[in-house]
PDB file of N, CA and C in Angstrom:
ATOM      1  N   MET A   1     -84.976 -73.990  15.571  1.00  0.00           N
ATOM      2  CA  MET A   1     -85.126 -72.674  14.618  1.00  0.00           C
ATOM      3  C   MET A   1     -84.113 -72.680  14.051  1.00  0.00           C
ATOM      4  N   ALA A   2     -83.740 -72.759  12.724  1.00  0.00           N
ATOM      5  CA  ALA A   2     -82.573 -72.655  11.956  1.00  0.00           C
ATOM      6  C   ALA A   2     -81.840 -71.116  12.364  1.00  0.00           C
ATOM      7  N   LEU A   3     -80.787 -71.328  12.000  1.00  0.00           N
ATOM      8  CA  LEU A   3     -79.960 -69.860  12.437  1.00  0.00           C
ATOM      9  C   LEU A   3     -79.445 -69.193  10.999  1.00  0.00           C
ATOM     10  N   THR A   4     -79.166 -68.308  10.654  1.00  0.00           N
ATOM     11  CA  THR A   4     -78.585 -67.510   9.650  1.00  0.00           C
ATOM     12  C   THR A   4     -77.149 -68.045   9.317  1.00  0.00           C
ATOM     13  N   ASN A   5     -76.099 -67.469   8.306  1.00  0.00           N
ATOM     14  CA  ASN A   5     -74.974 -67.814   8.621  1.00  0.00           C
ATOM     15  C   ASN A   5     -74.027 -66.666   8.990  1.00  0.00           C
ATOM     16  N   ALA A   6     -74.878 -65.668   9.724  1.00  0.00           N
ATOM     17  CA  ALA A   6     -74.335 -64.410  10.387  1.00  0.00           C
ATOM     18  C   ALA A   6     -74.495 -64.916  11.997  1.00  0.00           C
ATOM     19  N   GLU A   7     -75.390 -65.574  12.347  1.00  0.00           N
ATOM     20  CA  GLU A   7     -75.488 -66.127  13.945  1.00  0.00           C
ATOM     21  C   GLU A   7     -74.796 -67.181  14.049  1.00  0.00           C
ATOM     22  N   ARG A   8     -74.365 -67.949  12.816  1.00  0.00           N
ATOM     23  CA  ARG A   8     -73.305 -69.424  12.864  1.00  0.00           C
ATOM     24  C   ARG A   8     -72.277 -68.597  13.105  1.00  0.00           C
ATOM     25  N   GLN A   9     -72.117 -67.763  12.492  1.00  0.00           N
ATOM     26  CA  GLN A   9     -70.400 -66.817  12.366  1.00  0.00           C
ATOM     27  C   GLN A   9     -70.165 -66.285  13.873  1.00  0.00           C
ATOM     28  N   LYS A  10     -71.187 -65.065  14.399  1.00  0.00           N
ATOM     29  CA  LYS A  10     -71.055 -64.803  15.673  1.00  0.00           C
ATOM     30  C   LYS A  10     -70.964 -65.644  16.341  1.00  0.00           C
ATOM     31  N   ARG A  11     -71.587 -67.106  16.847  1.00  0.00           N
ATOM     32  CA  ARG A  11     -71.495 -68.055  17.739  1.00  0.00           C
ATOM     33  C   ARG A  11     -70.200 -68.567  18.168  1.00  0.00           C
ATOM     34  N   TYR A  12     -69.901 -68.941  16.630  1.00  0.00           N
ATOM     35  CA  TYR A  12     -68.514 -69.622  16.244  1.00  0.00           C
ATOM     36  C   TYR A  12     -67.312 -68.609  16.554  1.00  0.00           C
ATOM     37  N   ARG A  13     -67.461 -67.196  16.366  1.00  0.00           N
ATOM     38  CA  ARG A  13     -66.452 -66.538  17.157  1.00  0.00           C
ATOM     39  C   ARG A  13     -66.295 -66.271  18.668  1.00  0.00           C
ATOM     40  N   GLU A  14     -67.507 -66.102  19.080  1.00  0.00           N
ATOM     41  CA  GLU A  14     -67.831 -66.312  20.514  1.00  0.00           C
ATOM     42  C   GLU A  14     -67.197 -67.425  21.165  1.00  0.00           C
ATOM     43  N   LYS A  15     -66.950 -68.462  20.313  1.00  0.00           N
ATOM     44  CA  LYS A  15     -66.752 -70.176  21.297  1.00  0.00           C
ATOM     45  C   LYS A  15     -65.334 -69.627  20.822  1.00  0.00           C
ATOM     46  N   GLN A  16     -64.869 -69.180  19.786  1.00  0.00           N
ATOM     47  CA  GLN A  16     -63.279 -68.852  19.782  1.00  0.00           C
ATOM     48  C   GLN A  16     -62.689 -68.248  20.465  1.00  0.00           C
ATOM     49  N   LYS A  17     -63.461 -67.235  21.093  1.00  0.00           N
ATOM     50  CA  LYS A  17     -62.774 -66.064  22.163  1.00  0.00           C
ATOM     51  C   LYS A  17     -62.654 -66.679  23.203  1.00  0.00           C
ATOM     52  N   GLU A  18     -63.728 -67.525  23.790  1.00  0.00           N
ATOM     53  CA  GLU A  18     -63.804 -68.548  24.925  1.00  0.00           C
ATOM     54  C   GLU A  18     -62.986 -69.538  25.240  1.00  0.00           C
ATOM     55  N   GLU A  19     -62.428 -70.257  24.097  1.00  0.00           N
ATOM     56  CA  GLU A  19     -61.497 -71.351  24.138  1.00  0.00           C
ATOM     57  C   GLU A  19     -60.297 -70.809  24.524  1.00  0.00           C
ATOM     58  N   ASN A  20     -60.195 -69.733  23.467  1.00  0.00           N
ATOM     59  CA  ASN A  20     -58.680 -69.386  23.238  1.00  0.00           C
ATOM     60  C   ASN A  20     -58.551 -68.319  23.632  1.00  0.00           C
ATOM     61  N   LYS A  21     -59.003 -67.700  24.977  1.00  0.00           N
ATOM     62  CA  LYS A  21     -58.778 -66.133  25.769  1.00  0.00           C
ATOM     63  C   LYS A  21     -57.707 -65.784  25.531  1.00  0.00           C
ATOM     64  N   GLU A  22     -56.660 -66.528  25.746  1.00  0.00           N
ATOM     65  CA  GLU A  22     -54.916 -65.841  26.152  1.00  0.00           C
ATOM     66  C   GLU A  22     -54.748 -65.437  24.650  1.00  0.00           C
ATOM     67  N   GLU A  23     -54.554 -66.705  23.632  1.00  0.00           N
ATOM     68  CA  GLU A  23     -54.146 -66.642  22.523  1.00  0.00           C
ATOM     69  C   GLU A  23     -55.112 -65.344  21.265  1.00  0.00           C
ATOM     70  N   TYR A  24     -56.113 -65.308  21.751  1.00  0.00           N
ATOM     71  CA  TYR A  24     -57.299 -64.230  21.023  1.00  0.00           C
ATOM     72  C   TYR A  24     -56.997 -62.737  21.681  1.00  0.00           C
ATOM     73  N   LEU A  25     -56.638 -62.729  22.987  1.00  0.00           N
ATOM     74  CA  LEU A  25     -56.406 -61.401  23.684  1.00  0.00           C
ATOM     75  C   LEU A  25     -54.618 -60.846  23.034  1.00  0.00           C
ATOM     76  N   LYS A  26     -53.927 -61.489  22.455  1.00  0.00           N
ATOM     77  CA  LYS A  26     -52.905 -61.930  22.217  1.00  0.00           C
ATOM     78  C   LYS A  26     -52.936 -61.125  20.650  1.00  0.00           C
ATOM     79  N   LYS A  27     -53.648 -62.174  19.738  1.00  0.00           N
ATOM     80  CA  LYS A  27     -53.691 -61.148  18.377  1.00  0.00           C
ATOM     81  C   LYS A  27     -54.700 -60.395  18.551  1.00  0.00           C
ATOM     82  N   GLU A  28     -55.661 -59.883  19.034  1.00  0.00           N
ATOM     83  CA  GLU A  28     -56.351 -58.550  19.051  1.00  0.00           C
ATOM     84  C   GLU A  28     -55.339 -57.296  19.608  1.00  0.00           C
ATOM     85  N   ALA A  29     -54.598 -57.561  20.696  1.00  0.00           N
ATOM     86  CA  ALA A  29     -53.707 -56.371  21.031  1.00  0.00           C
ATOM     87  C   ALA A  29     -52.509 -56.251  19.593  1.00  0.00           C
ATOM     88  N   LYS A  30     -52.053 -57.382  19.390  1.00  0.00           N
ATOM     89  CA  LYS A  30     -51.326 -56.988  17.977  1.00  0.00           C
ATOM     90  C   LYS A  30     -51.956 -56.376  16.950  1.00  0.00           C
ATOM     91  N   ARG A  31     -53.275 -56.681  16.714  1.00  0.00           N
ATOM     92  CA  ARG A  31     -54.088 -56.292  15.766  1.00  0.00           C
ATOM     93  C   ARG A  31     -54.269 -54.850  15.605  1.00  0.00           C
ATOM     94  N   LYS A  32     -54.567 -54.307  16.886  1.00  0.00           N
ATOM     95  CA  LYS A  32     -54.805 -52.852  17.016  1.00  0.00           C
ATOM     96  C   LYS A  32     -53.670 -52.103  17.197  1.00  0.00           C
ATOM     97  N   ARG A  33     -52.560 -52.855  17.524  1.00  0.00           N
ATOM     98  CA  ARG A  33     -50.982 -52.200  17.311  1.00  0.00           C
ATOM     99  C   ARG A  33     -50.709 -51.721  16.112  1.00  0.00           C
ATOM    100  N   ASN A  34     -50.980 -52.828  15.068  1.00  0.00           N
ATOM    101  CA  ASN A  34     -50.455 -53.006  13.475  1.00  0.00           C
ATOM    102  C   ASN A  34     -51.395 -51.487  13.021  1.00  0.00           C
ATOM    103  N   ALA A  35     -52.971 -51.471  13.588  1.00  0.00           N
ATOM    104  CA  ALA A  35     -53.816 -50.919  12.834  1.00  0.00           C
ATOM    105  C   ALA A  35     -53.628 -49.230  13.203  1.00  0.00           C
ATOM    106  N   TYR A  36     -52.790 -49.145  14.377  1.00  0.00           N
ATOM    107  CA  TYR A  36     -52.747 -47.682  14.868  1.00  0.00           C
ATOM    108  C   TYR A  36     -51.874 -47.134  14.315  1.00  0.00           C
ATOM    109  N   ILE A  37     -52.413 -45.433  14.012  1.00  0.00           N
ATOM    110  CA  ILE A  37     -51.571 -44.250  13.406  1.00  0.00           C
ATOM    111  C   ILE A  37     -51.670 -43.591  13.871  1.00  0.00           C
ATOM    112  N   PRO A  38     -50.360 -42.704  14.434  1.00  0.00           N
ATOM    113  CA  PRO A  38     -49.906 -41.969  15.253  1.00  0.00           C
ATOM    114  C   PRO A  38     -50.618 -40.549  14.567  1.00  0.00           C
ATOM    115  N   SER A  39     -51.315 -39.750  15.598  1.00  0.00           N
ATOM    116  CA  SER A  39     -51.699 -38.403  15.359  1.00  0.00           C
ATOM    117  C   SER A  39     -51.150 -37.475  14.137  1.00  0.00           C
ATOM    118  N   SER A  40     -49.631 -37.804  14.765  1.00  0.00           N
ATOM    119  CA  SER A  40     -48.666 -36.530  14.025  1.00  0.00           C
ATOM    120  C   SER A  40     -48.594 -37.018  12.479  1.00  0.00           C
ATOM    121  N   LYS A  41     -49.080 -38.462  11.888  1.00  0.00           N
ATOM    122  CA  LYS A  41     -48.658 -39.021  10.734  1.00  0.00           C
ATOM    123  C   LYS A  41     -49.744 -38.797  10.155  1.00  0.00           C
ATOM    124  N   LEU A  42     -51.362 -38.099  10.718  1.00  0.00           N
ATOM    125  CA  LEU A  42     -52.298 -37.946  10.203  1.00  0.00           C
ATOM    126  C   LEU A  42     -52.438 -36.428   9.690  1.00  0.00           C
ATOM    127  N   SER A  43     -53.384 -36.011   8.485  1.00  0.00           N
ATOM    128  CA  SER A  43     -53.313 -34.756   7.960  1.00  0.00           C
ATOM    129  C   SER A  43     -54.460 -34.218   8.717  1.00  0.00           C
ATOM    130  N   PRO A  44     -54.572 -33.204   8.846  1.00  0.00           N
ATOM    131  CA  PRO A  44     -55.598 -31.961   9.940  1.00  0.00           C
ATOM    132  C   PRO A  44     -57.160 -32.472   9.574  1.00  0.00           C
ATOM    133  N   SER A  45     -57.354 -32.693   8.465  1.00  0.00           N
ATOM    134  CA  SER A  45     -58.793 -33.143   8.447  1.00  0.00           C
ATOM    135  C   SER A  45     -59.267 -34.750   8.838  1.00  0.00           C
ATOM    136  N   GLU A  46     -58.130 -35.643   8.934  1.00  0.00           N
ATOM    137  CA  GLU A  46     -57.962 -36.857   9.497  1.00  0.00           C
ATOM    138  C   GLU A  46     -57.934 -36.736  10.880  1.00  0.00           C
ATOM    139  N   LEU A  47     -57.337 -35.763  11.212  1.00  0.00           N
ATOM    140  CA  LEU A  47     -57.256 -35.221  12.910  1.00  0.00           C
ATOM    141  C   LEU A  47     -58.382 -35.017  13.738  1.00  0.00           C
ATOM    142  N   MET A  48     -59.118 -34.145  12.844  1.00  0.00           N
ATOM    143  CA  MET A  48     -60.191 -33.773  13.219  1.00  0.00           C
ATOM    144  C   MET A  48     -61.223 -35.094  13.174  1.00  0.00           C
ATOM    145  N   GLU A  49     -61.089 -35.718  11.947  1.00  0.00           N
ATOM    146  CA  GLU A  49     -62.240 -36.613  12.212  1.00  0.00           C
ATOM    147  C   GLU A  49     -61.969 -37.855  13.071  1.00  0.00           C
ATOM    148  N   ARG A  50     -60.891 -38.078  13.786  1.00  0.00           N
ATOM    149  CA  ARG A  50     -60.811 -38.956  14.352  1.00  0.00           C
ATOM    150  C   ARG A  50     -61.194 -38.485  15.943  1.00  0.00           C
ATOM    151  N   ARG A  51     -61.029 -37.172  16.077  1.00  0.00           N
ATOM    152  CA  ARG A  51     -61.271 -36.843  17.675  1.00  0.00           C
ATOM    153  C   ARG A  51     -62.656 -36.614  17.567  1.00  0.00           C
ATOM    154  N   ALA A  52     -63.630 -36.653  16.563  1.00  0.00           N
ATOM    155  CA  ALA A  52     -64.950 -36.076  16.733  1.00  0.00           C
ATOM    156  C   ALA A  52     -65.402 -37.740  16.830  1.00  0.00           C
ATOM    157  N   VAL A  53     -64.697 -38.840  16.366  1.00  0.00           N
ATOM    158  CA  VAL A  53     -65.324 -40.026  16.473  1.00  0.00           C
ATOM    159  C   VAL A  53     -64.675 -40.580  17.835  1.00  0.00           C
ATOM    160  N   SER A  54     -63.348 -40.237  18.133  1.00  0.00           N
ATOM    161  CA  SER A  54     -63.467 -40.372  19.709  1.00  0.00           C
ATOM    162  C   SER A  54     -64.491 -39.775  20.732  1.00  0.00           C
ATOM    163  N   ARG A  55     -64.803 -38.650  20.687  1.00  0.00           N
ATOM    164  CA  ARG A  55     -65.593 -37.654  21.390  1.00  0.00           C
ATOM    165  C   ARG A  55     -67.030 -38.389  21.455  1.00  0.00           C
ATOM    166  N   ILE A  56     -67.518 -38.684  20.495  1.00  0.00           N
ATOM    167  CA  ILE A  56     -68.723 -39.152  20.297  1.00  0.00           C
ATOM    168  C   ILE A  56     -68.764 -41.198  21.253  1.00  0.00           C
ATOM    169  N   LYS A  57     -67.603 -41.900  20.822  1.00  0.00           N
ATOM    170  CA  LYS A  57     -67.596 -43.118  21.445  1.00  0.00           C
ATOM    171  C   LYS A  57     -67.133 -42.440  23.149  1.00  0.00           C
ATOM    172  N   PHE A  58     -66.356 -41.682  23.550  1.00  0.00           N
ATOM    173  CA  PHE A  58     -66.487 -41.335  25.082  1.00  0.00           C
ATOM    174  C   PHE A  58     -67.597 -40.996  25.516  1.00  0.00           C
ATOM    175  N   LYS A  59     -68.442 -40.209  25.097  1.00  0.00           N
ATOM    176  CA  LYS A  59     -69.427 -39.672  25.109  1.00  0.00           C
ATOM    177  C   LYS A  59     -70.912 -40.937  25.438  1.00  0.00           C
ATOM    178  N   LYS A  60     -70.625 -41.822  24.697  1.00  0.00           N
ATOM    179  CA  LYS A  60     -71.522 -43.025  24.632  1.00  0.00           C
ATOM    180  C   LYS A  60     -70.746 -43.775  26.092  1.00  0.00           C
ATOM    181  N   LYS A  61     -69.789 -44.018  26.058  1.00  0.00           N
ATOM    182  CA  LYS A  61     -69.272 -45.047  27.082  1.00  0.00           C
ATOM    183  C   LYS A  61     -69.469 -44.369  28.479  1.00  0.00           C
ATOM    184  N   THR A  62     -69.301 -43.207  28.514  1.00  0.00           N
ATOM    185  CA  THR A  62     -69.386 -42.406  30.014  1.00  0.00           C
ATOM    186  C   THR A  62     -71.041 -42.456  30.430  1.00  0.00           C
ATOM    187  N   LEU A  63     -72.030 -42.380  28.945  1.00  0.00           N
ATOM    188  CA  LEU A  63     -73.460 -42.490  29.387  1.00  0.00           C
ATOM    189  C   LEU A  63     -74.004 -44.360  29.776  1.00  0.00           C
ATOM    190  N   LEU A  64     -73.239 -44.808  29.188  1.00  0.00           N
ATOM    191  CA  LEU A  64     -73.761 -46.423  29.500  1.00  0.00           C
ATOM    192  C   LEU A  64     -73.229 -46.774  30.839  1.00  0.00           C
ATOM    193  N   GLN A  65     -71.794 -46.134  31.267  1.00  0.00           N
ATOM    194  CA  GLN A  65     -71.509 -46.302  32.696  1.00  0.00           C
ATOM    195  C   GLN A  65     -72.281 -45.846  33.514  1.00  0.00           C
ATOM    196  N   SER A  66     -73.022 -44.438  33.440  1.00  0.00           N
ATOM    197  CA  SER A  66     -73.837 -44.175  34.742  1.00  0.00           C
ATOM    198  C   SER A  66     -75.340 -44.687  34.950  1.00  0.00           C
TER     199      SER A  66
END
């Protein structure tokens, strides 16, 4: 069965993660560090939105673990 472009790309990314695990983890950590914005620099509405998203993610995570 033929793969779609999205499926090919997904497999390629997974393969890259497995082959270069150390390098991938370093890049991912750096990317997350650079993307993070301290809450003190957010407006009140942005802060409320971030907290709401965090709450949802936390609930999903705890439900999956139990």
